């Protein structure tokens, strides 16, 4: 580890400092989902409308049910065009009523479009199934059993963890998790500026704790998640997932064929050649797809790894494990320049971190 966790104080970064890890949060959320699937509380292939208590349908394809499998694998036909950050007094049912929330061309299950909005829906389903607030539920299902001090959106992190936060910078300016932010409202406040967590209702607004990107976790703890993936769902004597669940997580649900998905998150329409997304599973990404249209190998060695990348607020992050060799890497960098990589569609910084010291 090198650099500063907080430029204002000069505090240097350490392996135990928590950082907002961006979209790797999706993978950890999926681990929580799989625990509930194992318990029989959730079904990957059931219509989520039943649990939500309202009908989730693409208006252009009203007869096609939307399932957790489709949401986790970004094939639900939802889009981010209507936004996915909700004020705490907003409701998901109102957000999905916006026409921009949907892909009107591709039916659910037929097309991959990386969509952050899928995950507030996933969190809402988890809440309705259990009656528990998402951040507390993730503590019970994943973080506490693994003895991780991590949390989603700070509400369940202790004072000692908050004292070692990594501030996120973009172009030299603090943009997330400076001390005042950490001490403030742990969710996006209500539209009148209030912040009353007692107003939470199961499933009404699954965006409160940012299941798509709000996990704060240290690199040492993120590496433990990686070791869980390497250990077929077991790490340090704790069996969190059954091997059968790990086989599901380690199997792609979607593979790019040239026209069945958008390869880059930023793309608004059509297919961008040479993108990073070429194989994707249940919130798990796969590297080194052997197809000419794919630039998904930041390591440059042609080996398949599973994991996830993250990008938000000037941060780039990655968790990648090689299940054949039993090795892996966890990394992040803040204030990352936009220099493109040479081996992949990721940045030059991410490629350097993936490969490690030369």
Protein backbone atom coordinates (compact mmCIF):
# COMPACT_ATOMS: atom_id res chain seq x y z
CA UNK A 1 0.00 0.00 0.00
CA UNK A 2 1.26 3.48 -0.80
CA UNK A 3 -0.06 7.02 -0.81
CA UNK A 4 -2.30 9.02 1.50
CA UNK A 5 -5.67 7.98 2.86
CA UNK A 6 -6.41 11.59 3.80
CA UNK A 7 -4.45 14.46 2.27
CA UNK A 8 -5.84 16.96 4.76
CA UNK A 9 -4.16 15.20 7.68
CA UNK A 10 -1.29 13.51 5.84
CA UNK A 11 -2.43 10.09 7.09
CA UNK A 12 -0.90 7.32 5.00
CA UNK A 13 -3.05 4.52 3.61
CA UNK A 14 -2.88 1.05 5.16
CA UNK A 15 -4.23 -2.38 4.21
CA UNK A 16 -6.86 -2.19 6.97
CA UNK A 17 -8.31 1.17 5.93
CA UNK A 18 -11.88 0.96 4.57
CA UNK A 19 -12.60 2.36 1.13
CA UNK A 20 -15.80 2.76 -0.89
CA UNK A 21 -15.06 -0.09 -3.25
CA UNK A 22 -17.66 0.83 -5.93
CA UNK A 23 -19.11 -1.96 -8.06
CA UNK A 24 -17.30 -4.81 -6.35
CA UNK A 25 -20.16 -4.24 -3.90
CA UNK A 26 -22.41 -6.02 -6.40
CA UNK A 27 -20.43 -9.25 -6.05
CA UNK A 28 -20.69 -9.10 -2.25
CA UNK A 29 -24.43 -8.41 -2.52
CA UNK A 30 -24.74 -11.50 -4.74
CA UNK A 31 -23.04 -13.60 -2.04
CA UNK A 32 -25.78 -12.45 0.34
CA UNK A 33 -28.43 -13.39 -2.22
CA UNK A 34 -26.92 -16.86 -2.61
CA UNK A 35 -27.04 -17.41 1.14
CA UNK A 36 -30.78 -16.67 1.07
CA UNK A 37 -31.21 -18.96 -1.93
CA UNK A 38 -29.49 -21.75 -0.03
CA UNK A 39 -31.86 -21.19 2.89
CA UNK A 40 -34.89 -21.41 0.59
CA UNK A 41 -35.83 -17.79 1.31
CA UNK A 42 -35.20 -16.66 -2.28
CA UNK A 43 -35.50 -18.32 -5.69
CA UNK A 44 -33.24 -17.10 -8.49
CA UNK A 45 -35.88 -17.87 -11.13
CA UNK A 46 -39.08 -16.66 -9.45
CA UNK A 47 -40.89 -13.52 -10.55
CA UNK A 48 -39.65 -10.86 -8.10
CA UNK A 49 -43.01 -9.08 -8.32
CA UNK A 50 -44.41 -11.56 -5.82
CA UNK A 51 -42.03 -10.42 -3.09
CA UNK A 52 -41.96 -6.75 -4.07
CA UNK A 53 -45.73 -6.51 -3.69
CA UNK A 54 -46.08 -4.69 -7.00
CA UNK A 55 -45.71 -5.73 -10.63
CA UNK A 56 -42.20 -5.25 -12.05
CA UNK A 57 -42.52 -5.42 -15.83
CA UNK A 58 -40.96 -3.80 -18.86
CA UNK A 59 -43.97 -1.99 -20.42
CA UNK A 60 -42.83 -3.13 -23.87
CA UNK A 61 -42.76 -6.78 -22.74
CA UNK A 62 -45.50 -7.03 -20.10
CA UNK A 63 -45.73 -10.83 -20.20
CA UNK A 64 -42.05 -11.51 -19.43
CA UNK A 65 -41.33 -12.00 -15.71
CA UNK A 66 -38.19 -10.44 -14.21
CA UNK A 67 -36.19 -12.65 -11.86
CA UNK A 68 -33.22 -12.32 -9.53
CA UNK A 69 -31.12 -14.21 -12.06
CA UNK A 70 -31.89 -11.57 -14.69
CA UNK A 71 -31.31 -8.68 -12.28
CA UNK A 72 -27.98 -10.02 -11.00
CA UNK A 73 -26.72 -10.73 -14.51
CA UNK A 74 -27.80 -7.36 -15.98
CA UNK A 75 -30.31 -8.92 -18.37
CA UNK A 76 -33.46 -7.51 -16.77
CA UNK A 77 -33.99 -4.85 -19.48
CA UNK A 78 -33.79 -2.09 -16.86
CA UNK A 79 -31.49 0.83 -17.66
CA UNK A 80 -29.81 3.60 -15.68
CA UNK A 81 -31.29 6.35 -17.83
CA UNK A 82 -33.90 7.31 -15.23
CA UNK A 83 -31.30 7.33 -12.44
CA UNK A 84 -30.57 4.88 -9.65
CA UNK A 85 -29.72 7.15 -6.70
CA UNK A 86 -32.99 7.75 -4.85
CA UNK A 87 -33.73 10.17 -2.03
CA UNK A 88 -34.69 8.29 1.10
CA UNK A 89 -38.34 9.28 0.77
CA UNK A 90 -38.64 8.08 -2.83
CA UNK A 91 -40.08 4.69 -3.81
CA UNK A 92 -38.76 2.18 -6.32
CA UNK A 93 -42.25 1.57 -7.70
CA UNK A 94 -42.39 5.22 -8.78
CA UNK A 95 -38.90 5.16 -10.30
CA UNK A 96 -39.64 2.13 -12.53
CA UNK A 97 -42.73 3.91 -13.84
CA UNK A 98 -40.49 6.25 -15.85
CA UNK A 99 -40.25 5.12 -19.50
CA UNK A 100 -36.50 5.86 -19.46
CA UNK A 101 -36.01 3.14 -16.85
CA UNK A 102 -36.57 0.48 -19.51
CA UNK A 103 -35.03 -0.84 -22.71
CA UNK A 104 -38.03 -0.80 -25.04
CA UNK A 105 -36.25 -2.82 -27.74
CA UNK A 106 -34.86 -5.89 -25.96
CA UNK A 107 -36.96 -8.24 -23.84
CA UNK A 108 -35.78 -9.36 -20.40
CA UNK A 109 -33.30 -12.18 -20.75
CA UNK A 110 -32.30 -11.34 -24.32
CA UNK A 111 -29.73 -8.56 -23.90
CA UNK A 112 -26.92 -7.56 -21.50
CA UNK A 113 -26.78 -3.95 -20.35
CA UNK A 114 -24.73 -3.17 -17.28
CA UNK A 115 -27.26 -1.38 -15.07
CA UNK A 116 -26.68 -0.16 -11.53
CA UNK A 117 -30.43 0.18 -11.01
CA UNK A 118 -30.79 -3.61 -10.96
CA UNK A 119 -29.26 -3.73 -7.50
CA UNK A 120 -31.64 -1.48 -5.55
CA UNK A 121 -34.32 -3.84 -6.88
CA UNK A 122 -32.29 -6.84 -5.66
CA UNK A 123 -31.90 -5.21 -2.23
CA UNK A 124 -35.63 -4.50 -2.06
CA UNK A 125 -36.39 -8.16 -2.80
CA UNK A 126 -33.98 -9.22 -0.04
CA UNK A 127 -35.63 -6.84 2.41
CA UNK A 128 -39.15 -8.00 1.58
CA UNK A 129 -38.13 -11.65 1.89
CA UNK A 130 -36.56 -11.20 5.33
CA UNK A 131 -38.08 -8.06 6.84
CA UNK A 132 -34.53 -6.79 7.53
CA UNK A 133 -32.86 -3.57 6.45
CA UNK A 134 -30.37 -4.29 3.68
CA UNK A 135 -27.23 -3.08 5.45
CA UNK A 136 -28.07 -5.05 8.60
CA UNK A 137 -29.03 -8.07 6.54
CA UNK A 138 -25.66 -8.03 4.78
CA UNK A 139 -23.98 -7.82 8.17
CA UNK A 140 -25.82 -10.95 9.27
CA UNK A 141 -25.40 -12.91 6.06
CA UNK A 142 -21.85 -12.06 4.97
CA UNK A 143 -19.83 -9.52 6.91
CA UNK A 144 -20.25 -10.76 10.49
CA UNK A 145 -19.73 -14.47 9.69
CA UNK A 146 -16.47 -13.56 7.94
CA UNK A 147 -15.48 -11.26 10.83
CA UNK A 148 -15.26 -8.26 8.51
CA UNK A 149 -15.59 -4.71 9.87
CA UNK A 150 -16.97 -3.57 6.53
CA UNK A 151 -20.36 -1.90 6.02
CA UNK A 152 -22.69 -0.52 3.38
CA UNK A 153 -22.96 3.30 3.51
CA UNK A 154 -21.38 3.64 6.98
CA UNK A 155 -24.47 3.11 9.14
CA UNK A 156 -23.27 -0.18 10.65
CA UNK A 157 -19.54 0.59 10.79
CA UNK A 158 -18.04 1.32 14.20
CA UNK A 159 -16.21 4.48 15.22
CA UNK A 160 -12.78 2.83 14.95
CA UNK A 161 -13.46 1.79 11.35
CA UNK A 162 -14.74 5.24 10.42
CA UNK A 163 -11.59 6.82 11.87
CA UNK A 164 -9.47 5.11 9.21
CA UNK A 165 -11.57 5.91 6.15
CA UNK A 166 -9.91 6.40 2.76
CA UNK A 167 -11.03 9.73 1.30
CA UNK A 168 -11.81 9.56 -2.42
CA UNK A 169 -10.29 12.24 -4.64
CA UNK A 170 -10.93 13.26 -8.22
CA UNK A 171 -8.56 15.73 -9.85
CA UNK A 172 -7.13 16.50 -6.44
CA UNK A 173 -10.48 17.37 -4.84
CA UNK A 174 -12.08 15.29 -2.09
CA UNK A 175 -15.36 13.99 -3.53
CA UNK A 176 -16.42 11.24 -1.12
CA UNK A 177 -15.87 10.01 2.43
CA UNK A 178 -14.12 13.03 3.86
CA UNK A 179 -14.77 13.18 7.65
CA UNK A 180 -17.80 15.47 7.37
CA UNK A 181 -19.41 13.11 4.87
CA UNK A 182 -18.80 10.03 7.05
CA UNK A 183 -20.30 11.81 10.06
CA UNK A 184 -23.38 12.90 8.10
CA UNK A 185 -26.48 11.12 6.86
CA UNK A 186 -25.50 7.56 5.87
CA UNK A 187 -28.00 7.53 3.00
CA UNK A 188 -29.16 10.05 0.41
CA UNK A 189 -31.34 12.41 2.49
CA UNK A 190 -35.02 12.93 1.86
CA UNK A 191 -36.04 15.58 -0.62
CA UNK A 192 -36.65 18.04 2.23
CA UNK A 193 -33.11 17.43 3.54
CA UNK A 194 -34.16 15.32 6.53
CA UNK A 195 -32.49 12.04 7.48
CA UNK A 196 -34.65 9.78 9.64
CA UNK A 197 -33.65 6.10 9.37
CA UNK A 198 -36.78 5.21 11.36
CA UNK A 199 -38.80 5.85 8.18
CA UNK A 200 -37.33 2.71 6.57
CA UNK A 201 -39.88 0.24 5.24
CA UNK A 202 -38.84 -3.14 3.86
CA UNK A 203 -38.51 -3.06 0.08
CA UNK A 204 -39.83 0.45 -0.47
CA UNK A 205 -36.47 1.91 -1.47
CA UNK A 206 -33.66 -0.61 -1.93
CA UNK A 207 -31.26 2.18 -2.91
CA UNK A 208 -30.78 3.48 0.65
CA UNK A 209 -27.54 1.60 1.31
CA UNK A 210 -26.14 1.55 -2.24
CA UNK A 211 -26.06 -2.20 -2.88
CA UNK A 212 -24.58 -1.41 -6.30
CA UNK A 213 -21.50 0.41 -4.99
CA UNK A 214 -21.66 1.51 -1.36
CA UNK A 215 -19.61 -1.16 0.42
CA UNK A 216 -16.77 0.23 2.56
CA UNK A 217 -14.16 -2.46 3.03
CA UNK A 218 -10.40 -2.67 3.52
CA UNK A 219 -8.04 -4.40 1.09
CA UNK A 220 -7.21 -7.05 3.67
CA UNK A 221 -10.91 -7.79 4.05
CA UNK A 222 -11.54 -7.67 0.30
CA UNK A 223 -8.76 -10.21 -0.12
CA UNK A 224 -10.70 -12.44 2.28
CA UNK A 225 -13.68 -12.26 -0.08
CA UNK A 226 -11.27 -13.34 -2.80
CA UNK A 227 -10.09 -16.27 -0.69
CA UNK A 228 -13.73 -17.23 -0.18
CA UNK A 229 -14.10 -17.45 -3.97
CA UNK A 230 -10.94 -19.54 -4.17
CA UNK A 231 -12.09 -21.79 -1.32
CA UNK A 232 -15.37 -22.88 -2.93
CA UNK A 233 -17.36 -20.82 -0.44
CA UNK A 234 -15.19 -21.52 2.61
CA UNK A 235 -12.46 -19.38 4.17
CA UNK A 236 -10.53 -19.61 7.44
CA UNK A 237 -12.72 -22.44 8.67
CA UNK A 238 -16.01 -20.65 7.90
CA UNK A 239 -18.31 -22.30 5.36
CA UNK A 240 -20.36 -19.38 3.99
CA UNK A 241 -21.57 -20.89 0.70
CA UNK A 242 -22.00 -24.43 -0.53
CA UNK A 243 -19.73 -25.57 -3.38
CA UNK A 244 -22.82 -25.77 -5.62
CA UNK A 245 -23.48 -22.07 -5.03
CA UNK A 246 -19.88 -21.26 -5.90
CA UNK A 247 -20.23 -23.21 -9.13
CA UNK A 248 -23.18 -20.97 -10.00
CA UNK A 249 -21.17 -17.85 -9.22
CA UNK A 250 -18.24 -19.14 -11.27
CA UNK A 251 -20.37 -19.80 -14.38
CA UNK A 252 -21.21 -17.08 -16.93
CA UNK A 253 -24.88 -16.33 -17.49
CA UNK A 254 -24.10 -14.26 -20.58
CA UNK A 255 -21.37 -14.29 -23.22
CA UNK A 256 -21.03 -11.58 -25.84
CA UNK A 257 -21.76 -12.80 -29.38
CA UNK A 258 -21.31 -9.52 -31.22
CA UNK A 259 -24.85 -8.20 -30.89
CA UNK A 260 -26.47 -9.47 -27.66
CA UNK A 261 -25.28 -6.77 -25.29
CA UNK A 262 -23.59 -3.45 -24.62
CA UNK A 263 -19.97 -4.03 -23.64
CA UNK A 264 -19.30 -0.74 -21.88
CA UNK A 265 -21.33 0.71 -19.01
CA UNK A 266 -21.19 4.23 -20.46
CA UNK A 267 -22.62 3.25 -23.86
CA UNK A 268 -26.09 4.68 -24.39
CA UNK A 269 -27.09 2.53 -27.34
CA UNK A 270 -25.75 -0.01 -29.76
CA UNK A 271 -22.66 -2.16 -29.23
CA UNK A 272 -19.26 -0.65 -28.57
CA UNK A 273 -16.53 -2.86 -30.04
CA UNK A 274 -13.57 -3.76 -27.91
CA UNK A 275 -15.33 -3.31 -24.58
CA UNK A 276 -14.64 -4.88 -21.21
CA UNK A 277 -17.89 -6.77 -20.61
CA UNK A 278 -17.74 -10.02 -22.56
CA UNK A 279 -18.80 -12.61 -19.97
CA UNK A 280 -20.89 -11.98 -16.89
CA UNK A 281 -22.61 -14.15 -14.31
CA UNK A 282 -24.50 -13.52 -11.07
CA UNK A 283 -22.74 -10.22 -10.32
CA UNK A 284 -19.47 -11.86 -11.30
CA UNK A 285 -17.27 -10.72 -14.19
CA UNK A 286 -14.90 -12.95 -16.15
CA UNK A 287 -11.61 -11.93 -17.77
CA UNK A 288 -9.81 -13.01 -20.95
CA UNK A 289 -12.75 -14.02 -23.14
CA UNK A 290 -11.22 -15.57 -26.28
CA UNK A 291 -13.16 -13.44 -28.77
CA UNK A 292 -11.70 -10.76 -31.07
CA UNK A 293 -14.25 -8.13 -29.95
CA UNK A 294 -13.21 -8.41 -26.31
CA UNK A 295 -10.67 -6.35 -24.38
CA UNK A 296 -11.29 -7.88 -20.96
CA UNK A 297 -7.82 -9.07 -19.93
CA UNK A 298 -6.05 -6.43 -17.80
CA UNK A 299 -3.45 -9.05 -16.85
CA UNK A 300 -2.52 -9.73 -20.47
CA UNK A 301 -1.87 -13.42 -19.92
CA UNK A 302 -5.01 -14.97 -21.42
CA UNK A 303 -6.04 -16.63 -18.15
CA UNK A 304 -9.65 -16.62 -17.00
CA UNK A 305 -10.20 -14.95 -13.65
CA UNK A 306 -13.45 -14.19 -11.87
CA UNK A 307 -14.25 -11.15 -9.78
CA UNK A 308 -15.36 -7.61 -10.44
CA UNK A 309 -14.04 -4.15 -11.28
CA UNK A 310 -15.19 -0.88 -9.72
CA UNK A 311 -15.18 2.76 -10.77
CA UNK A 312 -16.70 5.76 -8.99
CA UNK A 313 -15.71 9.15 -7.55
CA UNK A 314 -12.20 9.03 -8.99
CA UNK A 315 -11.57 5.50 -7.69
CA UNK A 316 -10.73 2.38 -9.68
CA UNK A 317 -10.78 -0.99 -7.96
CA UNK A 318 -10.57 -4.68 -8.71
CA UNK A 319 -10.89 -8.12 -7.15
CA UNK A 320 -9.75 -10.95 -9.41
CA UNK A 321 -9.01 -14.59 -8.59
CA UNK A 322 -7.62 -17.42 -10.68
CA UNK A 323 -9.49 -20.46 -9.37
CA UNK A 324 -7.24 -22.86 -11.26
CA UNK A 325 -3.97 -21.55 -9.82
CA UNK A 326 -5.44 -20.50 -6.48
CA UNK A 327 -4.13 -16.94 -6.70
CA UNK A 328 -5.73 -13.53 -6.70
CA UNK A 329 -5.33 -9.78 -6.38
CA UNK A 330 -7.32 -7.02 -4.65
CA UNK A 331 -6.51 -3.38 -5.40
CA UNK A 332 -7.76 0.18 -5.53
CA UNK A 333 -6.42 3.59 -6.48
CA UNK A 334 -7.91 7.04 -5.98
CA UNK A 335 -7.61 10.11 -8.22
CA UNK A 336 -6.97 7.85 -11.21
CA UNK A 337 -6.14 9.60 -14.50
CA UNK A 338 -8.15 8.69 -17.57
CA UNK A 339 -5.18 7.20 -19.42
CA UNK A 340 -6.40 4.15 -21.36
CA UNK A 341 -4.81 0.76 -20.91
CA UNK A 342 -2.90 -1.04 -23.63
CA UNK A 343 -4.06 -4.61 -22.92
CA UNK A 344 -7.73 -4.05 -22.08
CA UNK A 345 -10.62 -1.58 -21.93
CA UNK A 346 -9.65 -0.72 -18.35
CA UNK A 347 -7.33 2.14 -17.43
CA UNK A 348 -3.54 2.00 -17.47
CA UNK A 349 -3.61 2.32 -13.67
CA UNK A 350 -5.81 -0.75 -13.32
CA UNK A 351 -3.62 -2.76 -15.65
CA UNK A 352 -0.56 -1.85 -13.60
CA UNK A 353 -2.28 -2.77 -10.34
CA UNK A 354 -3.58 -6.05 -11.76
CA UNK A 355 -0.14 -7.17 -12.87
CA UNK A 356 1.61 -5.97 -9.72
CA UNK A 357 5.27 -4.95 -9.45
CA UNK A 358 7.34 -5.72 -12.54
